[in-house]
């Protein structure tokens, strides 16, 4: 079966690199499924779930914002976060959401600070949704 080379890079380093059969990721256009031979595309990655299919098995990661470059043979993901279920602390993510929501109420925030807080809020919310879905939808 044909494969794609998937590489996921975060500021901490390479988070994933392997040959895979398919990748599904959250993009600005919506969820995109990528198979070998995909048309070349460059798009914005949004915080959410990235699914990797390989050898009949599916692995899942929660990713943050970033960019994706797709060619017929390769998917390159540059993101500010890529975490597996075991690396997510739901309590810490919930606390981060509360802090960001409180800070966003400050009317004296600069637009850069507000954008940074909104990005942090989106990353934390993606982690919470991912973790809860993996736990069977607990709220």
Protein backbone atom coordinates (compact mmCIF):
# COMPACT_ATOMS: atom_id res chain seq x y z
CA UNK A 1 0.00 0.00 0.00
CA UNK A 2 1.21 3.50 -0.79
CA UNK A 3 2.26 5.66 2.14
CA UNK A 4 2.94 9.27 3.05
CA UNK A 5 5.86 10.56 5.07
CA UNK A 6 4.32 12.39 8.05
CA UNK A 7 6.45 14.76 10.08
CA UNK A 8 5.13 16.82 12.99
CA UNK A 9 7.46 19.44 14.45
CA UNK A 10 6.88 21.60 17.55
CA UNK A 11 9.14 24.21 19.18
CA UNK A 12 10.41 21.38 21.42
CA UNK A 13 11.51 19.29 18.43
CA UNK A 14 10.19 16.49 16.26
CA UNK A 15 6.98 15.11 17.79
CA UNK A 16 6.30 12.46 15.12
CA UNK A 17 7.96 11.11 11.98
CA UNK A 18 6.88 7.96 10.16
CA UNK A 19 5.38 6.54 6.99
CA UNK A 20 1.59 6.48 7.30
CA UNK A 21 -1.39 5.46 5.18
CA UNK A 22 -3.59 8.49 5.93
CA UNK A 23 -3.72 11.65 8.03
CA UNK A 24 -6.83 13.59 9.11
CA UNK A 25 -6.20 17.06 10.51
CA UNK A 26 -8.08 20.20 11.57
CA UNK A 27 -7.43 22.87 8.95
CA UNK A 28 -8.81 26.33 8.32
CA UNK A 29 -11.02 24.85 5.57
CA UNK A 30 -12.38 22.18 7.94
CA UNK A 31 -11.22 18.65 8.65
CA UNK A 32 -8.99 17.38 5.83
CA UNK A 33 -8.22 13.74 5.05
CA UNK A 34 -4.91 13.20 3.27
CA UNK A 35 -3.97 10.07 1.33
CA UNK A 36 -0.85 9.41 -0.77
CA UNK A 37 -1.06 11.29 -4.06
CA UNK A 38 -2.90 14.27 -2.52
CA UNK A 39 -2.85 17.47 -4.50
CA UNK A 40 -0.20 19.92 -3.19
CA UNK A 41 -1.63 22.26 -0.56
CA UNK A 42 -0.43 24.65 2.10
CA UNK A 43 -2.94 25.51 4.82
CA UNK A 44 -3.36 26.77 8.35
CA UNK A 45 -3.64 24.17 11.11
CA UNK A 46 -6.21 24.87 13.82
CA UNK A 47 -6.19 23.50 17.37
CA UNK A 48 -7.88 20.12 17.43
CA UNK A 49 -7.43 16.42 16.80
CA UNK A 50 -5.02 14.91 14.30
CA UNK A 51 -5.60 11.24 13.40
CA UNK A 52 -2.93 8.99 11.91
CA UNK A 53 -3.78 5.72 10.16
CA UNK A 54 -1.02 3.15 9.83
CA UNK A 55 -1.11 -0.64 9.48
CA UNK A 56 -4.84 -0.81 10.25
CA UNK A 57 -4.41 1.16 13.48
CA UNK A 58 -5.35 4.76 14.27
CA UNK A 59 -3.30 6.99 16.58
CA UNK A 60 -4.54 10.37 17.75
CA UNK A 61 -2.82 13.55 18.86
CA UNK A 62 -4.16 16.92 19.91
CA UNK A 63 -2.41 19.71 18.02
CA UNK A 64 -2.29 23.46 18.36
CA UNK A 65 -2.17 26.18 15.75
CA UNK A 66 0.33 26.06 12.95
CA UNK A 67 0.83 25.33 9.28
CA UNK A 68 0.64 22.23 7.10
CA UNK A 69 2.40 21.58 3.81
CA UNK A 70 1.01 18.68 1.80
CA UNK A 71 2.56 17.09 -1.28
CA UNK A 72 1.77 13.80 -3.02
CA UNK A 73 4.33 11.99 -0.83
CA UNK A 74 4.65 14.08 2.34
CA UNK A 75 2.70 15.90 5.06
CA UNK A 76 4.75 18.40 7.08
CA UNK A 77 3.09 19.87 10.16
CA UNK A 78 4.58 22.82 12.06
CA UNK A 79 2.59 23.40 15.25
CA UNK A 80 2.96 24.95 18.68
CA UNK A 81 1.70 21.74 20.35
CA UNK A 82 1.35 18.01 19.61
CA UNK A 83 0.34 15.80 22.53
CA UNK A 84 -0.89 12.27 23.01
CA UNK A 85 -3.60 11.41 25.53
CA UNK A 86 -1.07 10.41 28.20
CA UNK A 87 0.58 13.86 28.14
CA UNK A 88 -2.60 15.87 28.73
CA UNK A 89 -3.42 17.03 32.24
CA UNK A 90 -7.14 17.86 32.07
CA UNK A 91 -7.14 19.72 35.39
CA UNK A 92 -4.24 21.93 34.32
CA UNK A 93 -5.97 22.60 30.97
CA UNK A 94 -9.22 23.56 32.75
CA UNK A 95 -7.28 25.95 35.02
CA UNK A 96 -5.56 27.48 31.97
CA UNK A 97 -8.98 28.04 30.35
CA UNK A 98 -10.23 29.84 33.46
CA UNK A 99 -7.10 32.02 33.64
CA UNK A 100 -7.32 32.94 29.95
CA UNK A 101 -11.05 33.73 30.14
CA UNK A 102 -10.48 35.95 33.18
CA UNK A 103 -7.52 37.72 31.58
CA UNK A 104 -9.47 38.32 28.36
CA UNK A 105 -12.02 40.38 30.34
CA UNK A 106 -9.29 42.98 30.99
CA UNK A 107 -10.19 45.93 28.75
CA UNK A 108 -6.63 47.29 28.86
CA UNK A 109 -5.09 44.32 27.00
CA UNK A 110 -3.15 45.09 23.86
CA UNK A 111 -4.30 43.34 20.70
CA UNK A 112 -1.12 41.20 20.76
CA UNK A 113 -1.77 40.11 24.35
CA UNK A 114 -5.41 39.33 23.54
CA UNK A 115 -4.36 37.28 20.51
CA UNK A 116 -1.85 35.34 22.61
CA UNK A 117 -4.49 34.65 25.27
CA UNK A 118 -7.02 33.54 22.65
CA UNK A 119 -4.44 31.13 21.18
CA UNK A 120 -3.72 29.71 24.64
CA UNK A 121 -7.44 29.36 25.26
CA UNK A 122 -7.91 27.48 21.95
CA UNK A 123 -5.03 25.09 22.76
CA UNK A 124 -6.40 24.36 26.23
CA UNK A 125 -9.95 23.84 24.95
CA UNK A 126 -8.64 21.44 22.27
CA UNK A 127 -6.84 19.44 24.97
CA UNK A 128 -9.97 19.24 27.12
CA UNK A 129 -12.20 18.14 24.21
CA UNK A 130 -9.64 15.54 23.13
CA UNK A 131 -9.17 14.14 26.65
CA UNK A 132 -12.90 13.97 27.36
CA UNK A 133 -13.64 12.26 24.06
CA UNK A 134 -10.96 9.67 24.84
CA UNK A 135 -12.58 9.12 28.26
CA UNK A 136 -15.97 8.44 26.72
CA UNK A 137 -17.45 11.93 26.72
CA UNK A 138 -17.20 12.68 30.46
CA UNK A 139 -18.09 16.34 31.19
